C-alpha atoms as a PDB file:
ATOM      1  CA  MET A   1      96.908  95.549 135.012  1.00  0.00           C
ATOM      2  CA  HIS A   2      97.483  92.932 132.325  1.00  0.00           C
ATOM      3  CA  SER A   3     100.993  91.942 131.271  1.00  0.00           C
ATOM      4  CA  PRO A   4     101.309  88.984 128.855  1.00  0.00           C
ATOM      5  CA  TYR A   5     104.773  88.158 127.604  1.00  0.00           C
ATOM      6  CA  SER A   6     106.363  86.643 124.501  1.00  0.00           C
ATOM      7  CA  VAL A   7     109.935  85.806 123.644  1.00  0.00           C
ATOM      8  CA  ALA A   8     111.862  87.238 120.707  1.00  0.00           C
ATOM      9  CA  PHE A   9     114.501  84.842 119.318  1.00  0.00           C
ATOM     10  CA  SER A  10     116.858  86.875 117.160  1.00  0.00           C
ATOM     11  CA  ALA A  11     119.569  84.304 116.355  1.00  0.00           C
ATOM     12  CA  TYR A  12     117.737  81.380 114.872  1.00  0.00           C
ATOM     13  CA  ASP A  13     120.978  79.623 114.008  1.00  0.00           C
ATOM     14  CA  THR A  14     121.866  79.198 117.661  1.00  0.00           C
ATOM     15  CA  MET A  15     118.906  77.057 118.597  1.00  0.00           C
ATOM     16  CA  PRO A  16     119.991  73.732 116.980  1.00  0.00           C
ATOM     17  CA  GLU A  17     123.190  73.953 119.008  1.00  0.00           C
ATOM     18  CA  VAL A  18     121.129  74.347 122.191  1.00  0.00           C
ATOM     19  CA  LEU A  19     118.946  71.432 121.260  1.00  0.00           C
ATOM     20  CA  SER A  20     121.929  69.157 120.826  1.00  0.00           C
ATOM     21  CA  LEU A  21     123.153  69.724 124.367  1.00  0.00           C
ATOM     22  CA  GLY A  22     122.413  67.590 127.390  1.00  0.00           C
ATOM     23  CA  ARG A  23     120.518  68.828 130.412  1.00  0.00           C
ATOM     24  CA  SER A  24     123.550  70.372 132.187  1.00  0.00           C
ATOM     25  CA  GLY A  25     125.002  71.671 128.918  1.00  0.00           C
ATOM     26  CA  PHE A  26     121.683  73.256 128.088  1.00  0.00           C
ATOM     27  CA  GLN A  27     121.641  75.113 131.373  1.00  0.00           C
ATOM     28  CA  GLU A  28     125.089  76.549 130.681  1.00  0.00           C
ATOM     29  CA  LYS A  29     124.201  77.539 127.171  1.00  0.00           C
ATOM     30  CA  LEU A  30     120.949  79.054 128.304  1.00  0.00           C
ATOM     31  CA  PHE A  31     122.715  81.612 130.431  1.00  0.00           C
ATOM     32  CA  ALA A  32     125.099  82.301 127.590  1.00  0.00           C
ATOM     33  CA  LEU A  33     122.186  83.037 125.244  1.00  0.00           C
ATOM     34  CA  SER A  34     119.718  84.709 127.508  1.00  0.00           C
ATOM     35  CA  PHE A  35     121.021  88.196 128.044  1.00  0.00           C
ATOM     36  CA  THR A  36     120.944  89.068 124.366  1.00  0.00           C
ATOM     37  CA  TYR A  37     117.300  88.132 124.015  1.00  0.00           C
ATOM     38  CA  ARG A  38     114.550  90.438 125.177  1.00  0.00           C
ATOM     39  CA  LEU A  39     111.072  89.865 126.409  1.00  0.00           C
ATOM     40  CA  THR A  40     108.412  92.045 124.892  1.00  0.00           C
ATOM     41  CA  CYS A  41     105.576  92.872 127.207  1.00  0.00           C
ATOM     42  CA  LYS A  42     102.473  94.931 126.995  1.00  0.00           C
ATOM     43  CA  GLN A  43     101.068  96.909 129.879  1.00  0.00           C
ATOM     44  CA  LYS A  44      97.627  98.445 129.604  1.00  0.00           C
ATOM     45  CA  ASP A  45      95.758 100.731 131.906  1.00  0.00           C
ATOM     46  CA  GLN A  46      92.368 101.708 130.497  1.00  0.00           C
ATOM     47  CA  LYS A  47      92.471 105.178 131.936  1.00  0.00           C
ATOM     48  CA  ASP A  48      96.023 106.312 131.331  1.00  0.00           C
ATOM     49  CA  ILE A  49      98.228 103.971 129.356  1.00  0.00           C
ATOM     50  CA  MET A  50      97.186 102.838 125.906  1.00  0.00           C
ATOM     51  CA  GLY A  51      99.362 100.171 124.254  1.00  0.00           C
ATOM     52  CA  CYS A  52     102.499 100.541 126.312  1.00  0.00           C
ATOM     53  CA  ARG A  53     105.341  98.401 125.058  1.00  0.00           C
ATOM     54  CA  ARG A  54     108.348  97.603 127.153  1.00  0.00           C
ATOM     55  CA  TRP A  55     111.938  96.600 126.561  1.00  0.00           C
ATOM     56  CA  CYS A  56     112.158  93.611 128.932  1.00  0.00           C
ATOM     57  CA  PRO A  57     115.070  91.592 130.205  1.00  0.00           C
ATOM     58  CA  LEU A  58     115.317  87.964 131.054  1.00  0.00           C
ATOM     59  CA  ASP A  59     113.065  86.473 133.668  1.00  0.00           C
ATOM     60  CA  GLY A  60     110.274  85.044 131.537  1.00  0.00           C
ATOM     61  CA  LEU A  61     112.815  83.966 128.931  1.00  0.00           C
ATOM     62  CA  LEU A  62     114.505  81.562 131.312  1.00  0.00           C
ATOM     63  CA  PHE A  63     111.179  80.065 132.349  1.00  0.00           C
ATOM     64  CA  LEU A  64     110.014  79.653 128.788  1.00  0.00           C
ATOM     65  CA  LEU A  65     113.197  78.147 127.428  1.00  0.00           C
ATOM     66  CA  ILE A  66     113.422  75.697 130.284  1.00  0.00           C
ATOM     67  CA  SER A  67     109.777  74.698 129.804  1.00  0.00           C
ATOM     68  CA  LEU A  68     110.405  74.181 126.102  1.00  0.00           C
ATOM     69  CA  PHE A  69     113.477  72.026 126.603  1.00  0.00           C
ATOM     70  CA  HIS A  70     112.394  68.437 127.037  1.00  0.00           C
ATOM     71  CA  PHE A  71     113.911  65.531 125.310  1.00  0.00           C
ATOM     72  CA  SER A  72     113.375  64.192 121.780  1.00  0.00           C
ATOM     73  CA  SER A  73     109.765  65.178 121.115  1.00  0.00           C
ATOM     74  CA  ALA A  74     110.176  68.764 122.314  1.00  0.00           C
ATOM     75  CA  ALA A  75     113.524  68.981 120.566  1.00  0.00           C
ATOM     76  CA  ARG A  76     111.913  67.899 117.310  1.00  0.00           C
ATOM     77  CA  ARG A  77     109.197  70.494 117.696  1.00  0.00           C
ATOM     78  CA  LEU A  78     111.761  73.249 118.271  1.00  0.00           C
ATOM     79  CA  THR A  79     113.900  72.013 115.414  1.00  0.00           C
ATOM     80  CA  GLU A  80     110.929  72.269 113.117  1.00  0.00           C
ATOM     81  CA  LEU A  81     110.331  75.770 114.402  1.00  0.00           C
ATOM     82  CA  VAL A  82     113.906  76.786 113.699  1.00  0.00           C
ATOM     83  CA  GLN A  83     113.733  75.506 110.124  1.00  0.00           C
ATOM     84  CA  GLU A  84     110.778  77.713 109.313  1.00  0.00           C
ATOM     85  CA  GLN A  85     111.380  81.225 108.002  1.00  0.00           C
ATOM     86  CA  PRO A  86     110.761  83.991 110.565  1.00  0.00           C
ATOM     87  CA  PRO A  87     107.294  85.534 110.094  1.00  0.00           C
ATOM     88  CA  LEU A  88     107.082  88.717 108.068  1.00  0.00           C
ATOM     89  CA  PHE A  89     106.148  91.988 109.659  1.00  0.00           C
ATOM     90  CA  LYS A  90     102.520  92.613 108.943  1.00  0.00           C
ATOM     91  CA  TYR A  91     100.856  95.967 108.663  1.00  0.00           C
ATOM     92  CA  HIS A  92      97.656  95.974 110.745  1.00  0.00           C
ATOM     93  CA  ASN A  93      96.174  99.017 108.986  1.00  0.00           C
ATOM     94  CA  GLY A  94      96.462 101.368 111.943  1.00  0.00           C
ATOM     95  CA  PRO A  95      97.625 105.002 111.659  1.00  0.00           C
ATOM     96  CA  LEU A  96     101.311 105.796 111.530  1.00  0.00           C
ATOM     97  CA  LEU A  97     103.044 109.052 112.358  1.00  0.00           C
ATOM     98  CA  SER A  98     103.190 111.512 109.495  1.00  0.00           C
ATOM     99  CA  ALA A  99     104.028 115.103 108.540  1.00  0.00           C
ATOM    100  CA  GLN A 100     106.265 117.202 110.784  1.00  0.00           C
ATOM    101  CA  ILE A 101     106.910 115.504 114.136  1.00  0.00           C
ATOM    102  CA  SER A 102     108.705 117.273 116.929  1.00  0.00           C
ATOM    103  CA  ILE A 103     110.495 115.305 119.654  1.00  0.00           C
ATOM    104  CA  ASN A 104     110.039 116.923 123.041  1.00  0.00           C
ATOM    105  CA  LEU A 105     112.255 115.984 125.947  1.00  0.00           C
ATOM    106  CA  ILE A 106     111.149 115.933 129.571  1.00  0.00           C
ATOM    107  CA  TRP A 107     114.290 115.580 131.758  1.00  0.00           C
ATOM    108  CA  TYR A 108     113.309 114.250 135.174  1.00  0.00           C
ATOM    109  CA  GLY A 109     115.917 114.536 137.840  1.00  0.00           C
ATOM    110  CA  HIS A 110     119.540 115.665 137.621  1.00  0.00           C
ATOM    111  CA  PHE A 111     121.396 115.459 134.331  1.00  0.00           C
ATOM    112  CA  LYS A 112     124.596 117.281 133.539  1.00  0.00           C
ATOM    113  CA  PRO A 113     124.492 119.585 130.479  1.00  0.00           C
ATOM    114  CA  SER A 114     127.034 117.303 128.816  1.00  0.00           C
ATOM    115  CA  GLN A 115     124.680 114.373 129.326  1.00  0.00           C
ATOM    116  CA  ARG A 116     121.721 116.232 127.867  1.00  0.00           C
ATOM    117  CA  SER A 117     123.761 117.118 124.782  1.00  0.00           C
ATOM    118  CA  ILE A 118     124.497 113.444 124.109  1.00  0.00           C
ATOM    119  CA  ILE A 119     120.762 112.815 123.670  1.00  0.00           C
ATOM    120  CA  SER A 120     119.885 116.049 121.889  1.00  0.00           C
ATOM    121  CA  ASP A 121     122.727 115.588 119.413  1.00  0.00           C
ATOM    122  CA  PHE A 122     121.497 112.037 118.727  1.00  0.00           C
ATOM    123  CA  LEU A 123     117.977 113.283 118.008  1.00  0.00           C
ATOM    124  CA  SER A 124     119.297 116.060 115.785  1.00  0.00           C
ATOM    125  CA  SER A 125     121.262 113.455 113.881  1.00  0.00           C
ATOM    126  CA  LEU A 126     118.112 111.630 112.754  1.00  0.00           C
ATOM    127  CA  SER A 127     117.537 114.263 110.121  1.00  0.00           C
ATOM    128  CA  SER A 128     119.219 113.594 106.801  1.00  0.00           C
ATOM    129  CA  SER A 129     119.640 117.344 106.379  1.00  0.00           C
ATOM    130  CA  THR A 130     122.460 117.276 108.921  1.00  0.00           C
ATOM    131  CA  SER A 131     125.881 116.690 107.319  1.00  0.00           C
ATOM    132  CA  GLN A 132     127.208 113.448 108.770  1.00  0.00           C
ATOM    133  CA  THR A 133     130.084 111.125 108.090  1.00  0.00           C
ATOM    134  CA  HIS A 134     128.949 107.629 106.978  1.00  0.00           C
ATOM    135  CA  PRO A 135     127.720 105.321 108.328  1.00  0.00           C
ATOM    136  CA  SER A 136     125.382 107.857 109.867  1.00  0.00           C
ATOM    137  CA  VAL A 137     122.502 108.038 112.314  1.00  0.00           C
ATOM    138  CA  ALA A 138     120.345 109.401 109.505  1.00  0.00           C
ATOM    139  CA  THR A 139     121.112 106.338 107.350  1.00  0.00           C
ATOM    140  CA  TRP A 140     120.132 104.086 110.264  1.00  0.00           C
ATOM    141  CA  TRP A 141     116.820 105.923 110.641  1.00  0.00           C
ATOM    142  CA  LYS A 142     115.989 105.575 106.929  1.00  0.00           C
ATOM    143  CA  THR A 143     115.326 101.913 107.434  1.00  0.00           C
ATOM    144  CA  THR A 144     112.028 102.923 109.044  1.00  0.00           C
ATOM    145  CA  ASP A 145     111.052 104.612 105.719  1.00  0.00           C
ATOM    146  CA  LYS A 146     110.663 101.133 104.222  1.00  0.00           C
ATOM    147  CA  TYR A 147     107.715 100.419 106.501  1.00  0.00           C
ATOM    148  CA  TYR A 148     105.993 103.593 105.319  1.00  0.00           C
ATOM    149  CA  HIS A 149     106.666 102.810 101.632  1.00  0.00           C
ATOM    150  CA  LEU A 150     105.096  99.330 101.997  1.00  0.00           C
ATOM    151  CA  SER A 151     101.935 100.868 103.443  1.00  0.00           C
ATOM    152  CA  SER A 152     101.837 103.801 101.027  1.00  0.00           C
ATOM    153  CA  ASN A 153     102.250 106.232 103.879  1.00  0.00           C
ATOM    154  CA  LYS A 154     104.516 109.247 103.844  1.00  0.00           C
ATOM    155  CA  SER A 155     107.262 108.944 106.397  1.00  0.00           C
ATOM    156  CA  PRO A 156     107.459 111.692 109.068  1.00  0.00           C
ATOM    157  CA  SER A 157     110.023 114.421 109.259  1.00  0.00           C
ATOM    158  CA  LEU A 158     111.528 114.547 112.750  1.00  0.00           C
ATOM    159  CA  SER A 159     112.939 117.587 114.473  1.00  0.00           C
ATOM    160  CA  MET A 160     113.990 118.588 117.940  1.00  0.00           C
ATOM    161  CA  GLY A 161     111.181 120.211 119.897  1.00  0.00           C
ATOM    162  CA  LYS A 162     111.089 121.726 123.371  1.00  0.00           C
ATOM    163  CA  GLN A 163     113.051 120.556 126.414  1.00  0.00           C
ATOM    164  CA  ILE A 164     111.504 120.655 129.891  1.00  0.00           C
ATOM    165  CA  LEU A 165     113.696 120.334 132.989  1.00  0.00           C
ATOM    166  CA  ASP A 166     112.270 118.915 136.170  1.00  0.00           C
ATOM    167  CA  GLU A 167     115.344 118.912 138.418  1.00  0.00           C
ATOM    168  CA  SER A 168     113.321 119.247 141.611  1.00  0.00           C
ATOM    169  CA  TYR A 169     111.876 115.723 141.310  1.00  0.00           C
ATOM    170  CA  SER A 170     108.340 117.104 141.441  1.00  0.00           C
ATOM    171  CA  LEU A 171     106.753 113.675 141.718  1.00  0.00           C
ATOM    172  CA  GLY A 172     109.430 112.183 143.980  1.00  0.00           C
ATOM    173  CA  LYS A 173     112.118 109.633 143.234  1.00  0.00           C
ATOM    174  CA  SER A 174     109.866 106.567 142.823  1.00  0.00           C
ATOM    175  CA  LEU A 175     107.443 106.743 139.924  1.00  0.00           C
ATOM    176  CA  THR A 176     104.645 104.574 138.583  1.00  0.00           C
ATOM    177  CA  GLY A 177     103.658 104.036 134.980  1.00  0.00           C
ATOM    178  CA  LYS A 178     100.806 106.502 135.431  1.00  0.00           C
ATOM    179  CA  GLN A 179     103.172 109.160 136.609  1.00  0.00           C
ATOM    180  CA  ILE A 180     105.344 108.611 133.557  1.00  0.00           C
ATOM    181  CA  VAL A 181     102.321 109.407 131.386  1.00  0.00           C
ATOM    182  CA  GLU A 182     101.620 112.401 133.527  1.00  0.00           C
ATOM    183  CA  LEU A 183     105.138 113.704 132.905  1.00  0.00           C
ATOM    184  CA  ALA A 184     104.890 112.921 129.181  1.00  0.00           C
ATOM    185  CA  ALA A 185     101.661 114.933 128.978  1.00  0.00           C
ATOM    186  CA  LYS A 186     103.629 118.072 129.790  1.00  0.00           C
ATOM    187  CA  GLY A 187     104.943 118.222 126.204  1.00  0.00           C
ATOM    188  CA  GLU A 188     103.006 119.236 123.130  1.00  0.00           C
ATOM    189  CA  GLN A 189     100.488 116.529 122.284  1.00  0.00           C
ATOM    190  CA  ARG A 190      99.832 117.088 118.567  1.00  0.00           C
ATOM    191  CA  ASN A 191     102.364 116.001 115.912  1.00  0.00           C
ATOM    192  CA  ALA A 192     104.875 115.137 118.601  1.00  0.00           C
ATOM    193  CA  ILE A 193     106.702 112.368 120.418  1.00  0.00           C
ATOM    194  CA  ASN A 194     107.189 113.239 124.073  1.00  0.00           C
ATOM    195  CA  VAL A 195     110.210 111.537 125.598  1.00  0.00           C
ATOM    196  CA  VAL A 196     110.557 111.207 129.388  1.00  0.00           C
ATOM    197  CA  LEU A 197     114.135 110.647 130.539  1.00  0.00           C
ATOM    198  CA  THR A 198     114.707 109.769 134.173  1.00  0.00           C
ATOM    199  CA  ALA A 199     117.940 110.240 136.079  1.00  0.00           C
ATOM    200  CA  SER A 200     120.041 107.437 137.594  1.00  0.00           C
ATOM    201  CA  ASP A 201     118.612 107.999 141.090  1.00  0.00           C
ATOM    202  CA  VAL A 202     114.979 107.684 140.036  1.00  0.00           C
ATOM    203  CA  ALA A 203     113.237 104.298 140.556  1.00  0.00           C
ATOM    204  CA  ILE A 204     110.528 103.469 138.033  1.00  0.00           C
ATOM    205  CA  GLU A 205     107.887 100.770 138.364  1.00  0.00           C
ATOM    206  CA  GLY A 206     109.244  97.764 136.489  1.00  0.00           C
ATOM    207  CA  PHE A 207     112.589  99.346 135.709  1.00  0.00           C
ATOM    208  CA  CYS A 208     115.390  96.769 135.619  1.00  0.00           C
ATOM    209  CA  SER A 209     113.078  93.976 136.732  1.00  0.00           C
ATOM    210  CA  SER A 210     111.021  94.003 133.536  1.00  0.00           C
ATOM    211  CA  SER A 211     112.053  96.921 131.318  1.00  0.00           C
ATOM    212  CA  CYS A 212     114.661  99.420 130.312  1.00  0.00           C
ATOM    213  CA  GLY A 213     112.131 101.725 128.678  1.00  0.00           C
ATOM    214  CA  THR A 214     108.664 101.897 127.210  1.00  0.00           C
ATOM    215  CA  HIS A 215     106.702 103.514 124.398  1.00  0.00           C
ATOM    216  CA  GLY A 216     102.994 103.862 124.159  1.00  0.00           C
ATOM    217  CA  SER A 217     100.099 106.250 123.625  1.00  0.00           C
ATOM    218  CA  SER A 218      97.554 107.885 125.872  1.00  0.00           C
ATOM    219  CA  LEU A 219      94.364 109.868 125.482  1.00  0.00           C
ATOM    220  CA  SER A 220      95.112 113.531 125.405  1.00  0.00           C
ATOM    221  CA  SER A 221      94.095 115.539 128.432  1.00  0.00           C
ATOM    222  CA  LYS A 222      93.472 118.513 126.130  1.00  0.00           C
ATOM    223  CA  ASN A 223      91.284 116.770 123.584  1.00  0.00           C
ATOM    224  CA  SER A 224      89.780 113.348 124.285  1.00  0.00           C
ATOM    225  CA  LYS A 225      89.338 112.680 120.544  1.00  0.00           C
ATOM    226  CA  TYR A 226      92.975 111.932 119.923  1.00  0.00           C
ATOM    227  CA  LYS A 227      95.922 110.232 121.592  1.00  0.00           C
ATOM    228  CA  PHE A 228      99.497 111.420 121.945  1.00  0.00           C
ATOM    229  CA  VAL A 229     102.552 109.127 121.798  1.00  0.00           C
ATOM    230  CA  TYR A 230     105.330 108.991 124.364  1.00  0.00           C
ATOM    231  CA  ILE A 231     108.534 107.206 125.239  1.00  0.00           C
ATOM    232  CA  TRP A 232     110.236 106.661 128.601  1.00  0.00           C
ATOM    233  CA  VAL A 233     113.897 105.662 129.073  1.00  0.00           C
ATOM    234  CA  GLY A 234     115.741 105.466 132.380  1.00  0.00           C
ATOM    235  CA  ASN A 235     119.446 105.943 133.128  1.00  0.00           C
ATOM    236  CA  SER A 236     120.511 102.495 134.345  1.00  0.00           C
ATOM    237  CA  GLU A 237     124.093 103.401 135.267  1.00  0.00           C
ATOM    238  CA  THR A 238     123.706 102.775 139.050  1.00  0.00           C
ATOM    239  CA  GLN A 239     120.739 100.457 138.993  1.00  0.00           C
ATOM    240  CA  CYS A 240     121.089  97.818 136.292  1.00  0.00           C
ATOM    241  CA  PRO A 241     123.766  98.625 133.634  1.00  0.00           C
ATOM    242  CA  GLY A 242     124.240  94.909 133.019  1.00  0.00           C
ATOM    243  CA  GLN A 243     120.675  94.679 131.805  1.00  0.00           C
ATOM    244  CA  CYS A 244     120.074  98.037 130.159  1.00  0.00           C
ATOM    245  CA  ALA A 245     123.544  99.327 129.085  1.00  0.00           C
ATOM    246  CA  TRP A 246     125.094  96.213 127.490  1.00  0.00           C
ATOM    247  CA  PRO A 247     127.536  96.007 125.682  1.00  0.00           C
ATOM    248  CA  PHE A 248     129.048  98.945 127.640  1.00  0.00           C
ATOM    249  CA  HIS A 249     128.782  96.997 130.898  1.00  0.00           C
ATOM    250  CA  GLN A 250     129.212  93.299 131.671  1.00  0.00           C
ATOM    251  CA  PRO A 251     125.886  91.421 131.503  1.00  0.00           C
ATOM    252  CA  ILE A 252     124.310  89.750 134.495  1.00  0.00           C
ATOM    253  CA  TYR A 253     124.190  86.440 132.648  1.00  0.00           C
ATOM    254  CA  GLY A 254     126.224  84.856 129.879  1.00  0.00           C
ATOM    255  CA  PRO A 255     129.849  85.196 128.790  1.00  0.00           C
ATOM    256  CA  GLN A 256     131.662  87.755 130.925  1.00  0.00           C
ATOM    257  CA  SER A 257     133.822  89.257 128.200  1.00  0.00           C
ATOM    258  CA  PRO A 258     135.190  92.818 128.866  1.00  0.00           C
ATOM    259  CA  PRO A 259     132.596  95.526 128.184  1.00  0.00           C
ATOM    260  CA  LEU A 260     133.083  97.869 125.221  1.00  0.00           C
ATOM    261  CA  VAL A 261     134.178 101.430 125.777  1.00  0.00           C
ATOM    262  CA  ALA A 262     131.212 103.778 125.432  1.00  0.00           C
ATOM    263  CA  PRO A 263     131.623 106.258 122.526  1.00  0.00           C
ATOM    264  CA  ASN A 264     130.526 109.274 124.613  1.00  0.00           C
ATOM    265  CA  ASN A 265     132.402 108.116 127.738  1.00  0.00           C
ATOM    266  CA  ASP A 266     129.145 107.709 129.660  1.00  0.00           C
ATOM    267  CA  VAL A 267     127.866 104.134 130.170  1.00  0.00           C
ATOM    268  CA  GLY A 268     124.461 105.283 131.393  1.00  0.00           C
ATOM    269  CA  LEU A 269     123.802 107.792 128.637  1.00  0.00           C
ATOM    270  CA  ASP A 270     125.217 105.678 125.834  1.00  0.00           C
ATOM    271  CA  GLY A 271     122.954 102.880 127.050  1.00  0.00           C
ATOM    272  CA  MET A 272     120.031 105.333 127.038  1.00  0.00           C
ATOM    273  CA  VAL A 273     120.759 106.155 123.412  1.00  0.00           C
ATOM    274  CA  ILE A 274     120.485 102.447 122.469  1.00  0.00           C
ATOM    275  CA  ASN A 275     117.151 102.093 124.250  1.00  0.00           C
ATOM    276  CA  LEU A 276     115.800 105.427 122.956  1.00  0.00           C
ATOM    277  CA  ALA A 277     116.732 104.533 119.419  1.00  0.00           C
ATOM    278  CA  SER A 278     114.983 101.147 119.708  1.00  0.00           C
ATOM    279  CA  LEU A 279     111.842 102.745 121.113  1.00  0.00           C
ATOM    280  CA  LEU A 280     111.794 105.524 118.529  1.00  0.00           C
ATOM    281  CA  ALA A 281     111.802 102.876 115.800  1.00  0.00           C
ATOM    282  CA  GLY A 282     108.928 101.091 117.553  1.00  0.00           C
ATOM    283  CA  THR A 283     107.037 104.376 117.930  1.00  0.00           C
ATOM    284  CA  ALA A 284     107.458 105.312 114.285  1.00  0.00           C
ATOM    285  CA  THR A 285     106.339 101.917 112.930  1.00  0.00           C
ATOM    286  CA  ASN A 286     103.764 100.912 115.583  1.00  0.00           C
ATOM    287  CA  PRO A 287     102.688 104.075 117.425  1.00  0.00           C
ATOM    288  CA  PHE A 288      99.203 102.998 118.522  1.00  0.00           C
ATOM    289  CA  GLY A 289      99.496  99.192 118.674  1.00  0.00           C
ATOM    290  CA  ASN A 290      97.990  98.513 115.268  1.00  0.00           C
ATOM    291  CA  GLY A 291     100.862  99.347 112.924  1.00  0.00           C
ATOM    292  CA  TYR A 292     103.717  97.055 111.993  1.00  0.00           C
ATOM    293  CA  PHE A 293     104.679  94.152 114.219  1.00  0.00           C
ATOM    294  CA  GLN A 294     105.302  90.440 114.337  1.00  0.00           C
ATOM    295  CA  GLY A 295     103.303  87.989 116.455  1.00  0.00           C
ATOM    296  CA  PRO A 296     100.264  88.606 118.609  1.00  0.00           C
ATOM    297  CA  ALA A 297      99.061  92.082 119.276  1.00  0.00           C
ATOM    298  CA  GLU A 298      99.228  91.545 123.041  1.00  0.00           C
ATOM    299  CA  ALA A 299     102.962  90.818 122.827  1.00  0.00           C
ATOM    300  CA  PRO A 300     104.290  92.283 119.545  1.00  0.00           C
ATOM    301  CA  LEU A 301     107.834  92.205 118.179  1.00  0.00           C
ATOM    302  CA  GLU A 302     108.651  95.588 116.664  1.00  0.00           C
ATOM    303  CA  ALA A 303     111.317  96.982 114.326  1.00  0.00           C
ATOM    304  CA  ALA A 304     114.111  96.917 116.890  1.00  0.00           C
ATOM    305  CA  SER A 305     112.874  94.395 119.471  1.00  0.00           C
ATOM    306  CA  ALA A 306     112.888  91.720 116.751  1.00  0.00           C
ATOM    307  CA  CYS A 307     116.703  92.087 116.518  1.00  0.00           C
ATOM    308  CA  PRO A 308     117.973  92.173 120.148  1.00  0.00           C
ATOM    309  CA  GLY A 309     121.706  92.168 120.882  1.00  0.00           C
ATOM    310  CA  ILE A 310     122.710  92.826 117.251  1.00  0.00           C
ATOM    311  CA  TYR A 311     124.781  95.904 116.447  1.00  0.00           C
ATOM    312  CA  GLY A 312     127.040  94.759 113.620  1.00  0.00           C
ATOM    313  CA  LYS A 313     127.668  91.957 111.177  1.00  0.00           C
ATOM    314  CA  GLY A 314     128.756  88.664 112.730  1.00  0.00           C
ATOM    315  CA  ALA A 315     126.878  89.281 116.001  1.00  0.00           C
ATOM    316  CA  TYR A 316     126.084  86.328 118.214  1.00  0.00           C
ATOM    317  CA  PRO A 317     125.084  85.912 121.872  1.00  0.00           C
ATOM    318  CA  GLY A 318     127.665  87.711 123.916  1.00  0.00           C
ATOM    319  CA  TYR A 319     129.202  89.480 120.933  1.00  0.00           C
ATOM    320  CA  ALA A 320     127.671  92.714 119.619  1.00  0.00           C
ATOM    321  CA  GLY A 321     129.166  92.292 116.117  1.00  0.00           C
ATOM    322  CA  ASP A 322     132.043  93.725 114.104  1.00  0.00           C
ATOM    323  CA  LEU A 323     131.999  97.403 115.076  1.00  0.00           C
ATOM    324  CA  LEU A 324     134.022 100.522 114.287  1.00  0.00           C
ATOM    325  CA  MET A 325     136.568 101.639 116.845  1.00  0.00           C
ATOM    326  CA  ASP A 326     137.797 105.115 117.661  1.00  0.00           C
ATOM    327  CA  SER A 327     141.557 105.007 117.402  1.00  0.00           C
ATOM    328  CA  THR A 328     141.999 107.698 120.046  1.00  0.00           C
ATOM    329  CA  THR A 329     139.570 106.601 122.789  1.00  0.00           C
ATOM    330  CA  GLY A 330     139.228 102.900 121.953  1.00  0.00           C
ATOM    331  CA  SER A 331     135.462 103.227 122.029  1.00  0.00           C
ATOM    332  CA  SER A 332     133.163 101.079 119.888  1.00  0.00           C
ATOM    333  CA  PHE A 333     130.409 102.547 117.681  1.00  0.00           C
ATOM    334  CA  ASN A 334     128.591 101.983 114.417  1.00  0.00           C
ATOM    335  CA  SER A 335     127.331 105.428 113.430  1.00  0.00           C
ATOM    336  CA  HIS A 336     128.314 109.077 113.142  1.00  0.00           C
ATOM    337  CA  GLY A 337     126.107 111.878 114.329  1.00  0.00           C
ATOM    338  CA  ALA A 338     125.874 115.651 114.588  1.00  0.00           C
ATOM    339  CA  ASN A 339     128.702 117.658 116.135  1.00  0.00           C
ATOM    340  CA  GLY A 340     131.211 114.867 115.688  1.00  0.00           C
ATOM    341  CA  ARG A 341     129.264 112.450 117.865  1.00  0.00           C
ATOM    342  CA  LYS A 342     129.583 108.689 117.609  1.00  0.00           C
ATOM    343  CA  TYR A 343     126.822 106.292 118.658  1.00  0.00           C
ATOM    344  CA  LEU A 344     126.071 102.616 118.890  1.00  0.00           C
ATOM    345  CA  LEU A 345     122.653 101.908 117.428  1.00  0.00           C
ATOM    346  CA  PRO A 346     120.681  98.611 117.325  1.00  0.00           C
ATOM    347  CA  ALA A 347     119.894  96.561 114.244  1.00  0.00           C
ATOM    348  CA  LEU A 348     116.478  97.133 112.725  1.00  0.00           C
ATOM    349  CA  PHE A 349     114.286  94.553 111.044  1.00  0.00           C
ATOM    350  CA  ASP A 350     114.236  95.331 107.319  1.00  0.00           C
ATOM    351  CA  PRO A 351     110.747  94.442 105.962  1.00  0.00           C
ATOM    352  CA  SER A 352     112.021  94.336 102.363  1.00  0.00           C
ATOM    353  CA  THR A 353     114.558  91.563 103.139  1.00  0.00           C
ATOM    354  CA  SER A 354     113.089  90.058 106.312  1.00  0.00           C
ATOM    355  CA  THR A 355     116.497  90.302 107.940  1.00  0.00           C
ATOM    356  CA  CYS A 356     118.061  92.329 110.750  1.00  0.00           C
ATOM    357  CA  SER A 357     119.826  95.236 109.113  1.00  0.00           C
ATOM    358  CA  THR A 358     122.965  96.771 110.585  1.00  0.00           C
ATOM    359  CA  LEU A 359     125.039  99.786 109.573  1.00  0.00           C
ATOM    360  CA  VAL A 360     128.358  97.946 109.705  1.00  0.00           C
END
């Protein structure tokens, strides 16, 4: 198994401040910055997992930032890096998803019906045909259309597909990456995205320690001539909400400001929506590892992973941005969805402006 890593710096304007600090001040600032940055890693198994991309937390980030922080010469090199414009997303000429795409859900473990409806309502909200109050989930998703327009591809039309319940934990409560692919393969494999959602009591290889979810592609077991795409997201509520459900839970590192109130009153599921949204954007724009991304192919930054920790205008490390607030519940959100739902969705990199685009 090969797992190279790279760091995504989303807030370029914070780096000069870091460079101006002394050694002890740098250490304090480092922890303040670190939790809003994500590592992007790539896991590849030649038999089962093709181009798997992970949402990764902090470990490698700390090592890399510390190794970069020397005195004047290193500071000058980083300052020069900060002054450069962030690289543009490049299209690597690979196939993108097109036509009618169904999103199939494989629920692994115990989820309440109310929890399942949070996810299914979010996915139903991606379609612009659904009447929604603005800013809407559908408007957020339309940012991905810009990638398709630049490559002269027709953007896909998403719809809810089938839902499979595996409440008996058929593979146990400790799963490997290969078993995630095995579960994903239970869904339709043509013109589909198969999403595996694991319950809070299921341990996944790398979950919390290196990822909050993954997306990738695998050779079809039904026809070896094509690959199907899949996503996995875990419920972090009891395992690592500080890593995978921020800003609805206090982070492990950085400023310990009070967490925001989750719009659907479920820290674990609202955190899953954030991660699922991020991975859906990555799947749509880079489904097979040769679509749109920044940086090296072995550690790409994708549409959402290039903008970590940003949910509204004015965001900075430790602050999600200026969000909307529900006057009744006090919950924070930035988008409206189907059936009166409210969601918090991540910023997406806008290829037409080379900036992180938010709804509010």
